[in-house]
C-alpha atoms as a PDB file:
ATOM      1  CA  MET A   1     -11.887  14.006  11.983  1.00  0.00           C
ATOM      2  CA  SER A   2      -8.517  12.278  11.894  1.00  0.00           C
ATOM      3  CA  GLN A   3      -8.101   9.272   9.643  1.00  0.00           C
ATOM      4  CA  ARG A   4      -6.410   6.117  10.809  1.00  0.00           C
ATOM      5  CA  LEU A   5      -4.831   3.361   8.803  1.00  0.00           C
ATOM      6  CA  ILE A   6      -5.084  -0.231   9.995  1.00  0.00           C
ATOM      7  CA  VAL A   7      -2.658  -2.665   8.378  1.00  0.00           C
ATOM      8  CA  LEU A   8      -3.640  -6.322   8.569  1.00  0.00           C
ATOM      9  CA  ASP A   9      -1.055  -8.694  10.038  1.00  0.00           C
ATOM     10  CA  ASP A  10      -0.803 -10.666   6.780  1.00  0.00           C
ATOM     11  CA  ALA A  11      -0.171  -7.464   4.835  1.00  0.00           C
ATOM     12  CA  GLU A  12       2.526  -6.367   7.305  1.00  0.00           C
ATOM     13  CA  ASP A  13       4.192  -9.796   7.029  1.00  0.00           C
ATOM     14  CA  GLU A  14       4.154  -9.551   3.225  1.00  0.00           C
ATOM     15  CA  LEU A  15       5.609  -6.052   3.398  1.00  0.00           C
ATOM     16  CA  ILE A  16       8.460  -7.154   5.678  1.00  0.00           C
ATOM     17  CA  GLU A  17       9.305 -10.114   3.434  1.00  0.00           C
ATOM     18  CA  ALA A  18       9.283  -7.919   0.313  1.00  0.00           C
ATOM     19  CA  GLU A  19      11.510  -5.364   2.030  1.00  0.00           C
ATOM     20  CA  LYS A  20      13.998  -8.119   2.951  1.00  0.00           C
ATOM     21  CA  TRP A  21      13.907  -9.498  -0.599  1.00  0.00           C
ATOM     22  CA  TYR A  22      14.652  -6.084  -2.118  1.00  0.00           C
ATOM     23  CA  GLU A  23      17.461  -5.543   0.376  1.00  0.00           C
ATOM     24  CA  ARG A  24      19.058  -8.850  -0.712  1.00  0.00           C
ATOM     25  CA  GLN A  25      18.927  -7.671  -4.321  1.00  0.00           C
ATOM     26  CA  ARG A  26      20.826  -4.465  -3.569  1.00  0.00           C
ATOM     27  CA  SER A  27      21.875  -2.769  -0.359  1.00  0.00           C
ATOM     28  CA  GLY A  28      19.503   0.092   0.397  1.00  0.00           C
ATOM     29  CA  LEU A  29      16.800  -1.060  -2.008  1.00  0.00           C
ATOM     30  CA  GLY A  30      14.728  -2.496   0.848  1.00  0.00           C
ATOM     31  CA  ARG A  31      14.672   0.925   2.512  1.00  0.00           C
ATOM     32  CA  GLU A  32      13.719   2.545  -0.805  1.00  0.00           C
ATOM     33  CA  PHE A  33      10.861   0.071  -1.135  1.00  0.00           C
ATOM     34  CA  ARG A  34       9.630   0.814   2.392  1.00  0.00           C
ATOM     35  CA  THR A  35       9.807   4.555   1.692  1.00  0.00           C
ATOM     36  CA  ALA A  36       7.718   4.073  -1.466  1.00  0.00           C
ATOM     37  CA  ILE A  37       5.133   2.099   0.553  1.00  0.00           C
ATOM     38  CA  ASP A  38       5.021   4.787   3.256  1.00  0.00           C
ATOM     39  CA  GLU A  39       4.556   7.505   0.617  1.00  0.00           C
ATOM     40  CA  GLY A  40       1.719   5.493  -0.944  1.00  0.00           C
ATOM     41  CA  MET A  41       0.021   5.202   2.424  1.00  0.00           C
ATOM     42  CA  GLU A  42       0.343   8.960   2.956  1.00  0.00           C
ATOM     43  CA  ARG A  43      -1.215   9.593  -0.471  1.00  0.00           C
ATOM     44  CA  LEU A  44      -4.175   7.349   0.292  1.00  0.00           C
ATOM     45  CA  LEU A  45      -4.758   9.007   3.669  1.00  0.00           C
ATOM     46  CA  LYS A  46      -4.772  12.447   2.036  1.00  0.00           C
ATOM     47  CA  ALA A  47      -7.048  11.519  -0.869  1.00  0.00           C
ATOM     48  CA  PRO A  48      -8.599   8.054  -0.581  1.00  0.00           C
ATOM     49  CA  HIS A  49     -11.164   8.747  -3.301  1.00  0.00           C
ATOM     50  CA  ALA A  50      -8.394   9.469  -5.805  1.00  0.00           C
ATOM     51  CA  ALA A  51      -7.508   5.765  -5.648  1.00  0.00           C
ATOM     52  CA  SER A  52      -8.906   3.424  -8.273  1.00  0.00           C
ATOM     53  CA  PRO A  53     -11.871   1.190  -7.476  1.00  0.00           C
ATOM     54  CA  ILE A  54     -10.944  -2.487  -7.788  1.00  0.00           C
ATOM     55  CA  VAL A  55     -12.508  -4.151 -10.797  1.00  0.00           C
ATOM     56  CA  ASN A  56     -14.706  -7.179 -10.078  1.00  0.00           C
ATOM     57  CA  VAL A  57     -15.335  -6.139  -6.456  1.00  0.00           C
ATOM     58  CA  PRO A  58     -18.886  -4.888  -5.811  1.00  0.00           C
ATOM     59  CA  ALA A  59     -18.932  -1.095  -5.483  1.00  0.00           C
ATOM     60  CA  PHE A  60     -20.778  -1.201  -2.140  1.00  0.00           C
ATOM     61  CA  ILE A  61     -17.691  -2.796  -0.546  1.00  0.00           C
ATOM     62  CA  GLY A  62     -15.651   0.274  -1.397  1.00  0.00           C
ATOM     63  CA  ALA A  63     -12.397  -1.557  -2.150  1.00  0.00           C
ATOM     64  CA  ARG A  64      -9.801   0.666  -3.801  1.00  0.00           C
ATOM     65  CA  ARG A  65      -6.127   0.519  -4.658  1.00  0.00           C
ATOM     66  CA  ILE A  66      -3.302   2.951  -4.953  1.00  0.00           C
ATOM     67  CA  PHE A  67      -0.229   1.981  -6.931  1.00  0.00           C
ATOM     68  CA  VAL A  68       3.190   2.199  -5.318  1.00  0.00           C
ATOM     69  CA  LYS A  69       5.623   4.323  -7.294  1.00  0.00           C
ATOM     70  CA  ARG A  70       8.597   2.524  -8.811  1.00  0.00           C
ATOM     71  CA  PHE A  71       7.731  -0.949  -7.451  1.00  0.00           C
ATOM     72  CA  PRO A  72       5.231  -3.512  -8.780  1.00  0.00           C
ATOM     73  CA  TYR A  73       2.951  -3.275  -5.740  1.00  0.00           C
ATOM     74  CA  SER A  74      -0.355  -1.687  -4.914  1.00  0.00           C
ATOM     75  CA  ILE A  75      -1.964  -0.908  -1.588  1.00  0.00           C
ATOM     76  CA  VAL A  76      -5.503  -2.264  -1.389  1.00  0.00           C
ATOM     77  CA  PHE A  77      -7.836  -0.717   1.159  1.00  0.00           C
ATOM     78  CA  ILE A  78     -11.435  -0.321   2.203  1.00  0.00           C
ATOM     79  CA  GLU A  79     -12.481   3.000   3.645  1.00  0.00           C
ATOM     80  CA  HIS A  80     -14.867   2.878   6.616  1.00  0.00           C
END
């Protein structure tokens, strides 16, 4: 079975704004940020259970997070 990733509109908007902010800090940094996000998403698709459960969220919800390398962001997801 193939896995699919659905990104909420609010999350996509936040991602675009962060990418623009990093690009204003240094040319090319926005692209590096986006690459780090894409790599994080690939990691979670390959091994979603390797991600950390989110503290203070009931376990039955199944909320997890994977940290983005190099940038102070994490990708929060719920596996269905």
